[in-house]
Structures are given as structure tokens and as C-alpha cells.
Amino acid sequence: VSVCCCGVLLADHFILCRRKLDSDGVGAFHVPGFIAGACGIAAYQALSRLAPTVGATLPAFLVSAEVYLGPRSARRMPLRR
């Protein structure tokens, strides 16, 4: 679970916000982050059951980060500044 949260956190901090903290959103429930974390957890569970010899940590990290960043790149939204 923590790997998926790290994927969302690092994608938001380093790619979307570019290391700038928005104090208005601190402590708020963020639906896209929750959905991305859930997808990462699902990917981790699926990979650990279907292919136990292959590590599931890095793919779950990448899935959660990509799901979090995906809608923004698909709609070509400008990054927050």
C-alpha cells in the first residue's frame, strides 16, 4: 500500500507541482490520488498472485503514478505553476 502512495506522492510533487506546495489543498481528500492508489494496489495484488517470481513493487509504483498522471496528459492540461 505504501508503494502506491509513494507513486502518487512523487508524481504530484515532482511532476505536477514542480516542488511547489499548494497550502490550500493540504489535508483535503483528493479523488484522483485515491483512484490511482487503488489501481496501484490492484496491480500489486494481481502481479503478486499471477507472477509471484516477478517483483510487484516497481510495477505497482509505476501504475499508480501513471494512472495519476494519465488524465492530465490525455487532456493536455497545463501543469500547475
Protein backbone atom coordinates (compact mmCIF):
# COMPACT_ATOMS: atom_id res chain seq x y z
CA VAL A 1 0.00 0.00 0.00
CA SER A 2 2.79 2.44 0.82
CA VAL A 3 4.46 1.91 -2.57
CA CYS A 4 1.30 3.02 -4.37
CA CYS A 5 1.02 6.08 -2.15
CA CYS A 6 4.64 6.92 -2.91
CA GLY A 7 3.94 6.72 -6.64
CA VAL A 8 1.11 9.23 -6.33
CA LEU A 9 3.04 11.46 -3.94
CA LEU A 10 6.19 11.62 -6.05
CA ALA A 11 4.27 12.15 -9.30
CA ASP A 12 2.33 15.00 -7.74
CA HIS A 13 5.30 16.62 -6.03
CA PHE A 14 7.96 16.34 -8.74
CA ILE A 15 5.96 16.35 -11.99
CA LEU A 16 2.69 18.19 -11.43
CA CYS A 17 3.53 20.74 -8.76
CA ARG A 18 7.20 21.01 -9.62
CA ARG A 19 8.17 21.06 -5.94
CA LYS A 20 5.79 23.90 -5.01
CA LEU A 21 3.40 23.31 -2.13
CA ASP A 22 -0.19 24.48 -2.54
CA SER A 23 -1.29 25.19 1.03
CA ASP A 24 -4.98 25.42 0.04
CA GLY A 25 -5.18 21.69 -0.72
CA VAL A 26 -3.29 20.39 2.31
CA GLY A 27 -5.33 17.82 4.17
CA ALA A 28 -8.05 17.65 1.54
CA PHE A 29 -9.33 14.35 0.13
CA HIS A 30 -8.08 14.09 -3.44
CA VAL A 31 -10.18 11.72 -5.57
CA PRO A 32 -7.68 11.22 -8.46
CA GLY A 33 -4.97 10.32 -5.96
CA PHE A 34 -7.26 7.84 -4.23
CA ILE A 35 -8.21 6.20 -7.55
CA ALA A 36 -4.56 6.00 -8.63
CA GLY A 37 -3.60 4.43 -5.31
CA ALA A 38 -6.39 1.86 -5.63
CA CYS A 39 -5.22 0.96 -9.14
CA GLY A 40 -1.68 0.54 -7.87
CA ILE A 41 -2.88 -1.74 -5.08
CA ALA A 42 -4.89 -3.79 -7.58
CA ALA A 43 -1.84 -4.09 -9.84
CA TYR A 44 0.31 -5.17 -6.88
CA GLN A 45 -2.20 -7.82 -5.79
CA ALA A 46 -2.66 -9.13 -9.33
CA LEU A 47 1.06 -9.36 -10.05
CA SER A 48 1.90 -10.95 -6.72
CA ARG A 49 -0.70 -13.66 -7.35
CA LEU A 50 -0.27 -14.22 -11.10
CA ALA A 51 3.51 -13.92 -11.30
CA PRO A 52 4.98 -14.38 -7.82
CA THR A 53 8.54 -14.76 -9.13
CA VAL A 54 8.39 -11.30 -10.73
CA GLY A 55 8.55 -8.40 -8.33
CA ALA A 56 5.31 -6.46 -7.97
CA THR A 57 6.61 -3.39 -6.17
CA LEU A 58 8.06 -1.40 -9.06
CA PRO A 59 5.16 -2.13 -11.46
CA ALA A 60 2.63 -1.08 -8.78
CA PHE A 61 4.59 2.13 -8.22
CA LEU A 62 4.58 2.88 -11.96
CA VAL A 63 0.90 2.01 -12.39
CA SER A 64 -0.19 4.32 -9.60
CA ALA A 65 1.99 7.17 -10.90
CA GLU A 66 0.78 6.71 -14.49
CA VAL A 67 -2.88 6.48 -13.52
CA TYR A 68 -2.46 9.68 -11.51
CA LEU A 69 -0.71 11.50 -14.36
CA GLY A 70 -2.70 9.91 -17.18
CA PRO A 71 -5.84 12.09 -17.29
CA ARG A 72 -3.75 15.24 -17.19
CA SER A 73 -1.63 14.18 -20.15
CA ALA A 74 -4.63 12.85 -22.11
CA ARG A 75 -6.48 16.15 -21.85
CA ARG A 76 -3.25 18.11 -22.34
CA MET A 77 -3.97 20.22 -19.32
CA PRO A 78 -1.29 22.75 -18.46
CA LEU A 79 0.75 21.99 -15.36
CA ARG A 80 0.07 23.94 -12.19
CA ARG A 81 2.60 26.65 -11.53
